């Protein structure tokens, strides 16, 4: 239970012992909590990005590259990477701006609007990450089949035995299952981290609406 809820309970218990807070007191409390939540959204998004970079460099350092010759020089791969990093930079910028804007908001109506903007930005950020995952897998799988030595060998065997359709069907099935599992894990992560923060932010929004009544 947060500080505002505790104060409410105290007011109900004994009106004489606990002084009533003014509109500004309650507003500043909500403002402080909202600013802290948005700051953590910004920090967690940066930490998430650093984590995935660490995983990527770790895989390269260990020599795990799926034997995909020339993937880092591939035009499509470069374009997807540059676009992804560019959009991620935009989201980091938006999270930072949301934090700075909320931190300096001086009225309830504007704070409510900024909370809604922050919620939209987080949802767009989550959606973007899932779309990039799907696009990345959709691009990488055909590339892997054509450039990975093991995949090429399996493809040639499938052609020789007349089971090419079965081979592609099995690849598609495994890819879809893997993608569904990956999306489920990411959604669970986002629900546990960003979902909890957004719920708290939404509670602040509800409290602000009560102040405006």
N, C-alpha and C. Protein backbone atom coordinates (compact mmCIF):
# COMPACT_ATOMS: atom_id res chain seq x y z
N UNK A 1 0.85 -1.20 0.00
CA UNK A 1 0.00 0.00 0.00
C UNK A 1 0.88 1.24 0.00
N UNK A 2 0.58 2.25 -0.87
CA UNK A 2 1.46 3.40 -0.96
C UNK A 2 1.09 4.47 0.06
N UNK A 3 1.91 5.51 0.08
CA UNK A 3 1.78 6.56 1.09
C UNK A 3 0.43 7.25 1.04
N UNK A 4 -0.09 7.50 -0.17
CA UNK A 4 -1.36 8.19 -0.31
C UNK A 4 -2.51 7.37 0.25
N UNK A 5 -2.50 6.07 0.00
CA UNK A 5 -3.55 5.19 0.52
C UNK A 5 -3.50 5.12 2.04
N UNK A 6 -2.31 5.08 2.61
CA UNK A 6 -2.18 5.06 4.07
C UNK A 6 -2.74 6.32 4.70
N UNK A 7 -2.46 7.44 4.08
CA UNK A 7 -2.99 8.71 4.60
C UNK A 7 -4.51 8.74 4.55
N UNK A 8 -5.07 8.19 3.47
CA UNK A 8 -6.53 8.14 3.35
C UNK A 8 -7.15 7.34 4.48
N UNK A 9 -6.56 6.19 4.77
CA UNK A 9 -7.07 5.34 5.84
C UNK A 9 -6.97 6.06 7.18
N UNK A 10 -5.87 6.79 7.37
CA UNK A 10 -5.68 7.51 8.62
C UNK A 10 -6.72 8.62 8.78
N UNK A 11 -7.03 9.28 7.68
CA UNK A 11 -8.04 10.34 7.77
C UNK A 11 -9.37 9.78 8.23
N UNK A 12 -9.73 8.59 7.69
CA UNK A 12 -11.01 7.98 8.03
C UNK A 12 -11.05 7.54 9.49
N UNK A 13 -9.90 7.16 10.06
CA UNK A 13 -9.86 6.67 11.44
C UNK A 13 -10.12 7.79 12.44
N UNK A 14 -9.44 8.90 12.28
CA UNK A 14 -9.53 9.96 13.27
C UNK A 14 -9.28 11.31 12.63
N UNK A 15 -10.34 12.02 12.48
CA UNK A 15 -10.26 13.31 11.80
C UNK A 15 -9.50 14.35 12.62
N UNK A 16 -9.47 14.17 13.93
CA UNK A 16 -8.87 15.17 14.80
C UNK A 16 -7.36 15.02 14.90
N UNK A 17 -6.90 13.78 14.79
CA UNK A 17 -5.48 13.51 14.97
C UNK A 17 -4.67 13.82 13.72
N UNK A 18 -5.23 13.49 12.57
CA UNK A 18 -4.48 13.63 11.32
C UNK A 18 -5.00 14.84 10.54
N UNK A 19 -4.14 15.79 10.23
CA UNK A 19 -4.57 16.98 9.50
C UNK A 19 -4.91 16.67 8.05
N UNK A 20 -5.88 17.36 7.53
CA UNK A 20 -6.25 17.16 6.13
C UNK A 20 -5.21 17.83 5.24
N UNK A 21 -4.84 17.13 4.19
CA UNK A 21 -3.88 17.69 3.26
C UNK A 21 -4.60 18.55 2.23
N UNK A 22 -3.92 19.55 1.76
CA UNK A 22 -4.49 20.44 0.76
C UNK A 22 -4.42 19.78 -0.62
N UNK A 23 -5.09 20.42 -1.57
CA UNK A 23 -5.05 19.97 -2.96
C UNK A 23 -3.60 19.88 -3.44
N UNK A 24 -2.80 20.92 -3.14
CA UNK A 24 -1.40 20.95 -3.59
C UNK A 24 -0.57 19.85 -2.94
N UNK A 25 -0.86 19.55 -1.67
CA UNK A 25 -0.12 18.49 -0.99
C UNK A 25 -0.35 17.14 -1.68
N UNK A 26 -1.61 16.84 -1.96
CA UNK A 26 -1.95 15.57 -2.61
C UNK A 26 -1.40 15.54 -4.04
N UNK A 27 -1.54 16.67 -4.73
CA UNK A 27 -1.05 16.74 -6.11
C UNK A 27 0.46 16.50 -6.16
N UNK A 28 1.19 17.14 -5.27
CA UNK A 28 2.65 16.98 -5.26
C UNK A 28 3.06 15.56 -4.93
N UNK A 29 2.26 14.89 -4.09
CA UNK A 29 2.54 13.50 -3.76
C UNK A 29 2.38 12.62 -5.01
N UNK A 30 1.28 12.84 -5.74
CA UNK A 30 1.01 12.07 -6.96
C UNK A 30 2.06 12.40 -8.01
N UNK A 31 2.43 13.67 -8.11
CA UNK A 31 3.45 14.09 -9.07
C UNK A 31 4.78 13.39 -8.79
N UNK A 32 5.16 13.33 -7.53
CA UNK A 32 6.42 12.69 -7.15
C UNK A 32 6.41 11.20 -7.49
N UNK A 33 5.30 10.53 -7.20
CA UNK A 33 5.20 9.10 -7.50
C UNK A 33 5.22 8.85 -9.00
N UNK A 34 4.50 9.67 -9.76
CA UNK A 34 4.44 9.50 -11.21
C UNK A 34 5.80 9.73 -11.84
N UNK A 35 6.51 10.76 -11.37
CA UNK A 35 7.85 11.06 -11.89
C UNK A 35 8.79 9.88 -11.63
N UNK A 36 8.70 9.30 -10.42
CA UNK A 36 9.56 8.17 -10.08
C UNK A 36 9.27 6.96 -10.96
N UNK A 37 7.99 6.69 -11.23
CA UNK A 37 7.60 5.55 -12.06
C UNK A 37 8.13 5.72 -13.48
N UNK A 38 7.95 6.91 -14.06
CA UNK A 38 8.41 7.15 -15.44
C UNK A 38 9.93 7.09 -15.52
N UNK A 39 10.60 7.56 -14.46
CA UNK A 39 12.06 7.46 -14.44
C UNK A 39 12.49 5.99 -14.48
N UNK A 40 11.80 5.14 -13.73
CA UNK A 40 12.15 3.72 -13.73
C UNK A 40 11.84 3.06 -15.07
N UNK A 41 10.80 3.51 -15.74
CA UNK A 41 10.50 2.98 -17.09
C UNK A 41 11.66 3.30 -18.02
N UNK A 42 12.18 4.52 -17.93
CA UNK A 42 13.32 4.92 -18.76
C UNK A 42 14.56 4.09 -18.42
N UNK A 43 14.85 3.93 -17.14
CA UNK A 43 16.03 3.19 -16.70
C UNK A 43 15.94 1.72 -17.13
N UNK A 44 14.78 1.10 -16.93
CA UNK A 44 14.62 -0.32 -17.27
C UNK A 44 14.75 -0.54 -18.77
N UNK A 45 14.23 0.38 -19.58
CA UNK A 45 14.36 0.23 -21.04
C UNK A 45 15.83 0.28 -21.46
N UNK A 46 16.63 1.15 -20.81
CA UNK A 46 18.06 1.22 -21.11
C UNK A 46 18.75 -0.07 -20.68
N UNK A 47 18.42 -0.56 -19.47
CA UNK A 47 19.02 -1.79 -18.98
C UNK A 47 18.66 -2.98 -19.87
N UNK A 48 17.44 -2.99 -20.37
CA UNK A 48 17.01 -4.06 -21.28
C UNK A 48 17.85 -4.04 -22.55
N UNK A 49 18.06 -2.84 -23.09
CA UNK A 49 18.87 -2.69 -24.31
C UNK A 49 20.30 -3.16 -24.07
N UNK A 50 20.89 -2.76 -22.94
CA UNK A 50 22.26 -3.17 -22.58
C UNK A 50 22.34 -4.69 -22.43
N UNK A 51 21.30 -5.29 -21.83
CA UNK A 51 21.27 -6.74 -21.64
C UNK A 51 21.33 -7.47 -22.98
N UNK A 52 20.51 -7.03 -23.95
CA UNK A 52 20.50 -7.69 -25.25
C UNK A 52 21.81 -7.46 -26.02
N UNK A 53 22.42 -6.28 -25.84
CA UNK A 53 23.73 -6.04 -26.44
C UNK A 53 24.77 -6.99 -25.84
N UNK A 54 24.71 -7.17 -24.53
CA UNK A 54 25.64 -8.06 -23.84
C UNK A 54 25.48 -9.50 -24.35
N UNK A 55 24.23 -9.93 -24.53
CA UNK A 55 23.97 -11.28 -25.05
C UNK A 55 24.53 -11.42 -26.46
N UNK A 56 24.31 -10.39 -27.29
CA UNK A 56 24.78 -10.42 -28.68
C UNK A 56 26.30 -10.52 -28.75
N UNK A 57 26.99 -9.66 -27.99
CA UNK A 57 28.45 -9.69 -28.00
C UNK A 57 28.98 -10.97 -27.35
N UNK A 58 28.26 -11.48 -26.36
CA UNK A 58 28.65 -12.72 -25.71
C UNK A 58 28.61 -13.89 -26.67
N UNK A 59 27.56 -13.94 -27.50
CA UNK A 59 27.45 -15.01 -28.49
C UNK A 59 28.56 -14.93 -29.53
N UNK A 60 28.88 -13.70 -29.93
CA UNK A 60 29.97 -13.53 -30.91
C UNK A 60 31.31 -13.96 -30.31
N UNK A 61 31.54 -13.55 -29.06
CA UNK A 61 32.81 -13.87 -28.40
C UNK A 61 32.98 -15.38 -28.20
N UNK A 62 31.86 -16.08 -28.02
CA UNK A 62 31.94 -17.53 -27.81
C UNK A 62 32.05 -18.30 -29.12
N UNK A 63 31.97 -17.57 -30.25
CA UNK A 63 32.10 -18.22 -31.55
C UNK A 63 30.79 -18.75 -32.08
N UNK A 64 29.67 -18.43 -31.40
CA UNK A 64 28.37 -18.93 -31.84
C UNK A 64 27.79 -17.95 -32.86
N UNK A 65 27.87 -18.29 -34.11
CA UNK A 65 27.37 -17.39 -35.15
C UNK A 65 26.51 -18.11 -36.18
N UNK A 66 26.11 -19.33 -35.86
CA UNK A 66 25.24 -20.12 -36.75
C UNK A 66 25.87 -20.36 -38.12
N UNK A 67 27.20 -20.07 -38.21
CA UNK A 67 27.91 -20.25 -39.48
C UNK A 67 27.23 -19.50 -40.63
N UNK A 68 26.65 -18.38 -40.31
CA UNK A 68 25.99 -17.59 -41.35
C UNK A 68 27.01 -16.64 -41.98
N UNK A 69 27.66 -17.11 -42.99
CA UNK A 69 28.73 -16.35 -43.63
C UNK A 69 28.20 -15.06 -44.23
N UNK A 70 28.83 -13.96 -43.85
CA UNK A 70 28.50 -12.67 -44.46
C UNK A 70 27.25 -12.03 -43.94
N UNK A 71 26.64 -12.54 -42.86
CA UNK A 71 25.38 -11.97 -42.39
C UNK A 71 25.54 -10.51 -41.98
N UNK A 72 26.68 -10.16 -41.37
CA UNK A 72 26.88 -8.79 -40.91
C UNK A 72 27.15 -7.82 -42.05
N UNK A 73 27.43 -8.36 -43.24
CA UNK A 73 27.62 -7.50 -44.41
C UNK A 73 26.39 -7.51 -45.32
N UNK A 74 25.39 -8.30 -44.93
CA UNK A 74 24.19 -8.39 -45.75
C UNK A 74 23.39 -7.08 -45.68
N UNK A 75 22.98 -6.58 -46.84
CA UNK A 75 22.29 -5.29 -46.91
C UNK A 75 20.99 -5.31 -46.11
N UNK A 76 20.22 -6.38 -46.24
CA UNK A 76 18.94 -6.47 -45.53
C UNK A 76 19.15 -6.49 -44.02
N UNK A 77 20.14 -7.26 -43.57
CA UNK A 77 20.44 -7.34 -42.15
C UNK A 77 20.88 -5.98 -41.61
N UNK A 78 21.73 -5.29 -42.36
CA UNK A 78 22.21 -3.97 -41.95
C UNK A 78 21.04 -2.98 -41.87
N UNK A 79 20.15 -3.03 -42.88
CA UNK A 79 19.01 -2.11 -42.91
C UNK A 79 18.09 -2.34 -41.70
N UNK A 80 17.81 -3.61 -41.40
CA UNK A 80 16.95 -3.93 -40.25
C UNK A 80 17.61 -3.46 -38.95
N UNK A 81 18.92 -3.68 -38.83
CA UNK A 81 19.66 -3.30 -37.62
C UNK A 81 19.65 -1.78 -37.43
N UNK A 82 19.98 -1.05 -38.49
CA UNK A 82 20.05 0.42 -38.41
C UNK A 82 18.67 0.98 -38.07
N UNK A 83 17.63 0.48 -38.74
CA UNK A 83 16.28 0.96 -38.49
C UNK A 83 15.85 0.65 -37.05
N UNK A 84 16.18 -0.56 -36.58
CA UNK A 84 15.80 -0.97 -35.23
C UNK A 84 16.48 -0.09 -34.18
N UNK A 85 17.79 0.13 -34.35
CA UNK A 85 18.52 0.97 -33.39
C UNK A 85 18.03 2.42 -33.43
N UNK A 86 17.69 2.87 -34.63
CA UNK A 86 17.16 4.23 -34.76
C UNK A 86 15.84 4.41 -34.03
N UNK A 87 14.94 3.44 -34.19
CA UNK A 87 13.64 3.52 -33.52
C UNK A 87 13.79 3.33 -32.01
N UNK A 88 14.70 2.45 -31.59
CA UNK A 88 14.97 2.28 -30.16
C UNK A 88 15.47 3.60 -29.55
N UNK A 89 16.37 4.27 -30.28
CA UNK A 89 16.88 5.56 -29.80
C UNK A 89 15.74 6.56 -29.64
N UNK A 90 14.79 6.51 -30.58
CA UNK A 90 13.62 7.39 -30.49
C UNK A 90 12.81 7.10 -29.23
N UNK A 91 12.60 5.81 -28.91
CA UNK A 91 11.83 5.45 -27.71
C UNK A 91 12.57 5.86 -26.44
N UNK A 92 13.89 5.69 -26.41
CA UNK A 92 14.66 6.13 -25.24
C UNK A 92 14.49 7.64 -25.06
N UNK A 93 14.53 8.35 -26.18
CA UNK A 93 14.34 9.80 -26.14
C UNK A 93 12.95 10.14 -25.62
N UNK A 94 11.92 9.41 -26.08
CA UNK A 94 10.55 9.67 -25.64
C UNK A 94 10.39 9.38 -24.15
N UNK A 95 10.97 8.28 -23.68
CA UNK A 95 10.89 7.96 -22.25
C UNK A 95 11.54 9.06 -21.41
N UNK A 96 12.68 9.55 -21.89
CA UNK A 96 13.39 10.61 -21.16
C UNK A 96 12.55 11.89 -21.15
N UNK A 97 12.01 12.25 -22.31
CA UNK A 97 11.18 13.46 -22.41
C UNK A 97 9.93 13.33 -21.54
N UNK A 98 9.33 12.14 -21.53
CA UNK A 98 8.15 11.92 -20.67
C UNK A 98 8.50 12.16 -19.21
N UNK A 99 9.67 11.66 -18.82
CA UNK A 99 10.11 11.85 -17.43
C UNK A 99 10.32 13.33 -17.12
N UNK A 100 11.03 14.04 -18.00
CA UNK A 100 11.30 15.45 -17.77
C UNK A 100 10.01 16.27 -17.77
N UNK A 101 9.09 15.92 -18.66
CA UNK A 101 7.83 16.66 -18.76
C UNK A 101 6.99 16.47 -17.51
N UNK A 102 6.85 15.21 -17.08
CA UNK A 102 6.06 14.94 -15.88
C UNK A 102 6.70 15.58 -14.65
N UNK A 103 8.01 15.55 -14.61
CA UNK A 103 8.75 16.09 -13.46
C UNK A 103 8.52 17.59 -13.27
N UNK A 104 8.19 18.28 -14.37
CA UNK A 104 8.02 19.74 -14.29
C UNK A 104 6.58 20.17 -14.50
N UNK A 105 5.64 19.22 -14.48
CA UNK A 105 4.22 19.55 -14.68
C UNK A 105 3.69 20.32 -13.46
N UNK A 106 2.87 21.34 -13.71
CA UNK A 106 2.41 22.16 -12.58
C UNK A 106 0.89 22.18 -12.40
N UNK A 107 0.17 21.29 -13.14
CA UNK A 107 -1.28 21.21 -12.89
C UNK A 107 -1.78 19.80 -13.19
N UNK A 108 -2.87 19.43 -12.54
CA UNK A 108 -3.38 18.06 -12.60
C UNK A 108 -3.79 17.65 -14.01
N UNK A 109 -4.45 18.54 -14.74
CA UNK A 109 -4.93 18.20 -16.08
C UNK A 109 -3.77 17.83 -17.01
N UNK A 110 -2.72 18.65 -16.98
CA UNK A 110 -1.54 18.37 -17.82
C UNK A 110 -0.85 17.09 -17.38
N UNK A 111 -0.78 16.86 -16.07
CA UNK A 111 -0.16 15.64 -15.56
C UNK A 111 -0.93 14.41 -16.03
N UNK A 112 -2.27 14.49 -16.03
CA UNK A 112 -3.09 13.38 -16.52
C UNK A 112 -2.79 13.11 -17.99
N UNK A 113 -2.67 14.16 -18.79
CA UNK A 113 -2.37 13.99 -20.22
C UNK A 113 -0.99 13.35 -20.41
N UNK A 114 -0.02 13.76 -19.60
CA UNK A 114 1.33 13.21 -19.71
C UNK A 114 1.40 11.75 -19.27
N UNK A 115 0.59 11.39 -18.29
CA UNK A 115 0.51 9.99 -17.88
C UNK A 115 -0.04 9.14 -19.02
N UNK A 116 -1.08 9.63 -19.69
CA UNK A 116 -1.65 8.90 -20.83
C UNK A 116 -0.63 8.77 -21.96
N UNK A 117 0.14 9.83 -22.20
CA UNK A 117 1.18 9.78 -23.24
C UNK A 117 2.23 8.73 -22.90
N UNK A 118 2.62 8.68 -21.63
CA UNK A 118 3.62 7.70 -21.20
C UNK A 118 3.12 6.28 -21.39
N UNK A 119 1.86 6.04 -21.04
CA UNK A 119 1.28 4.70 -21.21
C UNK A 119 1.27 4.31 -22.68
N UNK A 120 0.92 5.26 -23.55
CA UNK A 120 0.91 4.98 -25.00
C UNK A 120 2.32 4.65 -25.49
N UNK A 121 3.30 5.42 -25.03
CA UNK A 121 4.69 5.21 -25.46
C UNK A 121 5.18 3.82 -25.06
N UNK A 122 4.86 3.39 -23.84
CA UNK A 122 5.29 2.07 -23.37
C UNK A 122 4.64 0.98 -24.21
N UNK A 123 3.35 1.11 -24.48
CA UNK A 123 2.64 0.10 -25.30
C UNK A 123 3.22 0.04 -26.71
N UNK A 124 3.54 1.20 -27.27
CA UNK A 124 4.15 1.24 -28.60
C UNK A 124 5.54 0.60 -28.58
N UNK A 125 6.29 0.83 -27.51
CA UNK A 125 7.62 0.27 -27.36
C UNK A 125 7.56 -1.26 -27.31
N UNK A 126 6.63 -1.80 -26.54
CA UNK A 126 6.45 -3.25 -26.44
C UNK A 126 6.06 -3.83 -27.80
N UNK A 127 5.10 -3.16 -28.46
CA UNK A 127 4.64 -3.62 -29.78
C UNK A 127 5.79 -3.61 -30.78
N UNK A 128 6.61 -2.56 -30.76
CA UNK A 128 7.75 -2.45 -31.67
C UNK A 128 8.72 -3.61 -31.47
N UNK A 129 9.05 -3.92 -30.22
CA UNK A 129 9.99 -5.01 -29.94
C UNK A 129 9.48 -6.35 -30.46
N UNK A 130 8.17 -6.58 -30.32
CA UNK A 130 7.60 -7.84 -30.80
C UNK A 130 7.61 -7.89 -32.33
N UNK A 131 7.33 -6.76 -32.97
CA UNK A 131 7.34 -6.70 -34.44
C UNK A 131 8.75 -6.94 -34.97
N UNK A 132 9.75 -6.32 -34.33
CA UNK A 132 11.15 -6.51 -34.74
C UNK A 132 11.55 -7.98 -34.61
N UNK A 133 11.09 -8.61 -33.54
CA UNK A 133 11.38 -10.04 -33.35
C UNK A 133 10.83 -10.87 -34.50
N UNK A 134 9.58 -10.62 -34.86
CA UNK A 134 8.93 -11.37 -35.95
C UNK A 134 9.63 -11.11 -37.29
N UNK A 135 9.91 -9.83 -37.58
CA UNK A 135 10.57 -9.48 -38.84
C UNK A 135 11.98 -10.08 -38.89
N UNK A 136 12.69 -10.01 -37.78
CA UNK A 136 14.05 -10.56 -37.73
C UNK A 136 14.06 -12.06 -38.00
N UNK A 137 13.14 -12.78 -37.37
CA UNK A 137 13.07 -14.24 -37.58
C UNK A 137 12.65 -14.54 -39.02
N UNK A 138 11.68 -13.80 -39.53
CA UNK A 138 11.19 -14.02 -40.90
C UNK A 138 12.30 -13.79 -41.92
N UNK A 139 13.21 -12.85 -41.63
CA UNK A 139 14.32 -12.58 -42.55
C UNK A 139 15.46 -13.57 -42.37
N UNK A 140 15.75 -13.91 -41.10
CA UNK A 140 16.91 -14.74 -40.81
C UNK A 140 16.73 -16.20 -41.23
N UNK A 141 15.50 -16.73 -41.13
CA UNK A 141 15.31 -18.15 -41.44
C UNK A 141 15.65 -18.49 -42.89
N UNK A 142 15.12 -17.76 -43.88
CA UNK A 142 15.52 -18.07 -45.27
C UNK A 142 17.01 -17.88 -45.49
N UNK A 143 17.58 -16.86 -44.84
CA UNK A 143 19.02 -16.63 -44.98
C UNK A 143 19.80 -17.80 -44.39
N UNK A 144 19.35 -18.29 -43.23
CA UNK A 144 20.03 -19.42 -42.58
C UNK A 144 19.97 -20.67 -43.44
N UNK A 145 18.82 -20.91 -44.05
CA UNK A 145 18.65 -22.10 -44.88
C UNK A 145 19.62 -22.08 -46.07
N UNK A 146 19.86 -20.87 -46.61
CA UNK A 146 20.70 -20.75 -47.79
C UNK A 146 22.19 -20.60 -47.49
N UNK A 147 22.52 -20.20 -46.26
CA UNK A 147 23.92 -19.90 -45.96
C UNK A 147 24.55 -20.78 -44.88
N UNK A 148 23.73 -21.37 -44.04
CA UNK A 148 24.28 -22.26 -43.01
C UNK A 148 24.61 -23.62 -43.63
N UNK A 149 25.80 -24.13 -43.37
CA UNK A 149 26.26 -25.37 -44.00
C UNK A 149 25.37 -26.55 -43.66
N UNK A 150 25.01 -26.68 -42.40
CA UNK A 150 24.15 -27.79 -41.97
C UNK A 150 22.77 -27.71 -42.62
N UNK A 151 22.23 -26.49 -42.68
CA UNK A 151 20.91 -26.30 -43.29
C UNK A 151 20.93 -26.62 -44.78
N UNK A 152 22.03 -26.21 -45.44
CA UNK A 152 22.16 -26.50 -46.88
C UNK A 152 22.24 -28.00 -47.13
N UNK A 153 22.94 -28.70 -46.25
CA UNK A 153 23.07 -30.15 -46.40
C UNK A 153 21.72 -30.83 -46.23
N UNK A 154 20.95 -30.39 -45.24
CA UNK A 154 19.61 -30.95 -45.02
C UNK A 154 18.69 -30.65 -46.21
N UNK A 155 18.85 -29.44 -46.76
CA UNK A 155 18.04 -29.05 -47.92
C UNK A 155 18.36 -29.92 -49.12
N UNK A 156 19.62 -30.18 -49.35
CA UNK A 156 20.03 -31.02 -50.48
C UNK A 156 19.52 -32.46 -50.30
N UNK A 157 19.58 -32.95 -49.07
CA UNK A 157 19.07 -34.30 -48.79
C UNK A 157 17.57 -34.39 -49.03
N UNK A 158 16.86 -33.30 -48.64
CA UNK A 158 15.41 -33.27 -48.84
C UNK A 158 15.07 -33.25 -50.32
N UNK A 159 15.85 -32.52 -51.11
CA UNK A 159 15.64 -32.47 -52.56
C UNK A 159 15.89 -33.85 -53.18
N UNK A 160 16.96 -34.49 -52.74
CA UNK A 160 17.33 -35.79 -53.30
C UNK A 160 16.30 -36.87 -52.98
N UNK A 161 15.69 -36.77 -51.80
CA UNK A 161 14.72 -37.79 -51.40
C UNK A 161 13.28 -37.42 -51.76
N UNK A 162 13.10 -36.27 -52.40
CA UNK A 162 11.76 -35.84 -52.80
C UNK A 162 10.89 -35.39 -51.65
N UNK A 163 11.51 -34.97 -50.55
CA UNK A 163 10.75 -34.53 -49.37
C UNK A 163 10.98 -33.04 -49.08
N UNK A 164 11.07 -32.28 -50.16
CA UNK A 164 11.35 -30.85 -50.02
C UNK A 164 10.21 -30.14 -49.29
N UNK A 165 8.96 -30.49 -49.67
CA UNK A 165 7.80 -29.86 -49.04
C UNK A 165 7.76 -30.17 -47.54
N UNK A 166 8.06 -31.42 -47.21
CA UNK A 166 8.07 -31.84 -45.81
C UNK A 166 9.16 -31.09 -45.03
N UNK A 167 10.29 -30.89 -45.68
CA UNK A 167 11.41 -30.18 -45.05
C UNK A 167 11.01 -28.74 -44.72
N UNK A 168 10.43 -28.04 -45.71
CA UNK A 168 10.02 -26.65 -45.49
C UNK A 168 8.90 -26.56 -44.45
N UNK A 169 8.00 -27.54 -44.48
CA UNK A 169 6.90 -27.55 -43.51
C UNK A 169 7.43 -27.72 -42.08
N UNK A 170 8.40 -28.60 -41.92
CA UNK A 170 8.97 -28.82 -40.58
C UNK A 170 9.73 -27.59 -40.10
N UNK A 171 10.46 -26.93 -41.03
CA UNK A 171 11.16 -25.69 -40.68
C UNK A 171 10.17 -24.62 -40.24
N UNK A 172 9.09 -24.48 -41.01
CA UNK A 172 8.07 -23.47 -40.69
C UNK A 172 7.43 -23.75 -39.34
N UNK A 173 7.12 -25.04 -39.07
CA UNK A 173 6.48 -25.41 -37.82
C UNK A 173 7.38 -25.12 -36.62
N UNK A 174 8.65 -25.53 -36.72
CA UNK A 174 9.60 -25.28 -35.64
C UNK A 174 9.79 -23.78 -35.41
N UNK A 175 9.86 -23.02 -36.52
CA UNK A 175 10.03 -21.57 -36.42
C UNK A 175 8.84 -20.91 -35.72
N UNK A 176 7.64 -21.30 -36.12
CA UNK A 176 6.42 -20.72 -35.52
C UNK A 176 6.33 -21.05 -34.04
N UNK A 177 6.62 -22.31 -33.70
CA UNK A 177 6.57 -22.72 -32.28
C UNK A 177 7.61 -21.93 -31.47
N UNK A 178 8.82 -21.84 -32.01
CA UNK A 178 9.88 -21.07 -31.32
C UNK A 178 9.51 -19.61 -31.17
N UNK A 179 8.88 -19.04 -32.22
CA UNK A 179 8.49 -17.64 -32.20
C UNK A 179 7.38 -17.40 -31.17
N UNK A 180 6.42 -18.31 -31.12
CA UNK A 180 5.32 -18.19 -30.15
C UNK A 180 5.87 -18.25 -28.72
N UNK A 181 6.81 -19.15 -28.48
CA UNK A 181 7.41 -19.26 -27.14
C UNK A 181 8.18 -17.99 -26.80
N UNK A 182 8.95 -17.48 -27.76
CA UNK A 182 9.74 -16.26 -27.52
C UNK A 182 8.83 -15.07 -27.24
N UNK A 183 7.73 -14.94 -28.01
CA UNK A 183 6.79 -13.84 -27.80
C UNK A 183 6.12 -13.96 -26.44
N UNK A 184 5.77 -15.20 -26.06
CA UNK A 184 5.13 -15.43 -24.75
C UNK A 184 6.07 -15.03 -23.62
N UNK A 185 7.35 -15.39 -23.74
CA UNK A 185 8.34 -15.04 -22.71
C UNK A 185 8.51 -13.52 -22.62
N UNK A 186 8.59 -12.86 -23.79
CA UNK A 186 8.74 -11.40 -23.80
C UNK A 186 7.52 -10.72 -23.22
N UNK A 187 6.33 -11.19 -23.58
CA UNK A 187 5.10 -10.60 -23.05
C UNK A 187 5.03 -10.77 -21.53
N UNK A 188 5.46 -11.93 -21.04
CA UNK A 188 5.48 -12.16 -19.60
C UNK A 188 6.45 -11.18 -18.93
N UNK A 189 7.63 -11.02 -19.54
CA UNK A 189 8.62 -10.08 -19.01
C UNK A 189 8.05 -8.66 -18.98
N UNK A 190 7.44 -8.24 -20.10
CA UNK A 190 6.91 -6.88 -20.17
C UNK A 190 5.74 -6.69 -19.21
N UNK A 191 4.94 -7.74 -19.05
CA UNK A 191 3.81 -7.65 -18.12
C UNK A 191 4.30 -7.51 -16.69
N UNK A 192 5.35 -8.28 -16.33
CA UNK A 192 5.87 -8.24 -14.97
C UNK A 192 6.56 -6.91 -14.66
N UNK A 193 7.28 -6.38 -15.64
CA UNK A 193 8.05 -5.15 -15.41
C UNK A 193 7.23 -3.90 -15.75
N UNK A 194 6.96 -3.70 -17.03
CA UNK A 194 6.27 -2.49 -17.45
C UNK A 194 4.79 -2.51 -17.02
N UNK A 195 4.18 -3.70 -17.02
CA UNK A 195 2.78 -3.80 -16.64
C UNK A 195 2.54 -3.33 -15.22
N UNK A 196 3.41 -3.72 -14.28
CA UNK A 196 3.27 -3.30 -12.88
C UNK A 196 3.45 -1.79 -12.76
N UNK A 197 4.44 -1.25 -13.46
CA UNK A 197 4.67 0.20 -13.41
C UNK A 197 3.50 0.97 -14.01
N UNK A 198 2.94 0.44 -15.09
CA UNK A 198 1.80 1.12 -15.72
C UNK A 198 0.56 1.05 -14.85
N UNK A 199 0.38 -0.03 -14.10
CA UNK A 199 -0.75 -0.13 -13.18
C UNK A 199 -0.65 0.93 -12.09
N UNK A 200 0.56 1.13 -11.59
CA UNK A 200 0.77 2.17 -10.57
C UNK A 200 0.53 3.56 -11.16
N UNK A 201 0.97 3.73 -12.40
CA UNK A 201 0.77 5.01 -13.07
C UNK A 201 -0.72 5.25 -13.29
N UNK A 202 -1.44 4.18 -13.61
CA UNK A 202 -2.88 4.31 -13.83
C UNK A 202 -3.61 4.67 -12.53
N UNK A 203 -3.12 4.13 -11.40
CA UNK A 203 -3.72 4.49 -10.11
C UNK A 203 -3.55 5.97 -9.84
N UNK A 204 -2.37 6.50 -10.20
CA UNK A 204 -2.14 7.93 -10.04
C UNK A 204 -3.08 8.74 -10.91
N UNK A 205 -3.33 8.24 -12.11
CA UNK A 205 -4.25 8.90 -13.03
C UNK A 205 -5.66 8.97 -12.43
N UNK A 206 -6.09 7.86 -11.83
CA UNK A 206 -7.42 7.80 -11.20
C UNK A 206 -7.51 8.80 -10.04
N UNK A 207 -6.43 8.88 -9.25
CA UNK A 207 -6.41 9.83 -8.13
C UNK A 207 -6.49 11.27 -8.62
N UNK A 208 -5.82 11.54 -9.74
CA UNK A 208 -5.86 12.89 -10.31
C UNK A 208 -7.27 13.25 -10.80
N UNK A 209 -7.97 12.26 -11.37
CA UNK A 209 -9.33 12.51 -11.82
C UNK A 209 -10.22 12.89 -10.65
N UNK A 210 -9.98 12.24 -9.50
CA UNK A 210 -10.76 12.56 -8.30
C UNK A 210 -10.47 13.98 -7.83
N UNK A 211 -9.21 14.39 -7.97
CA UNK A 211 -8.84 15.76 -7.57
C UNK A 211 -9.53 16.80 -8.44
N UNK A 212 -9.72 16.43 -9.72
CA UNK A 212 -10.30 17.38 -10.67
C UNK A 212 -11.81 17.50 -10.53
N UNK A 213 -12.44 16.54 -9.84
CA UNK A 213 -13.90 16.56 -9.69
C UNK A 213 -14.32 17.71 -8.78
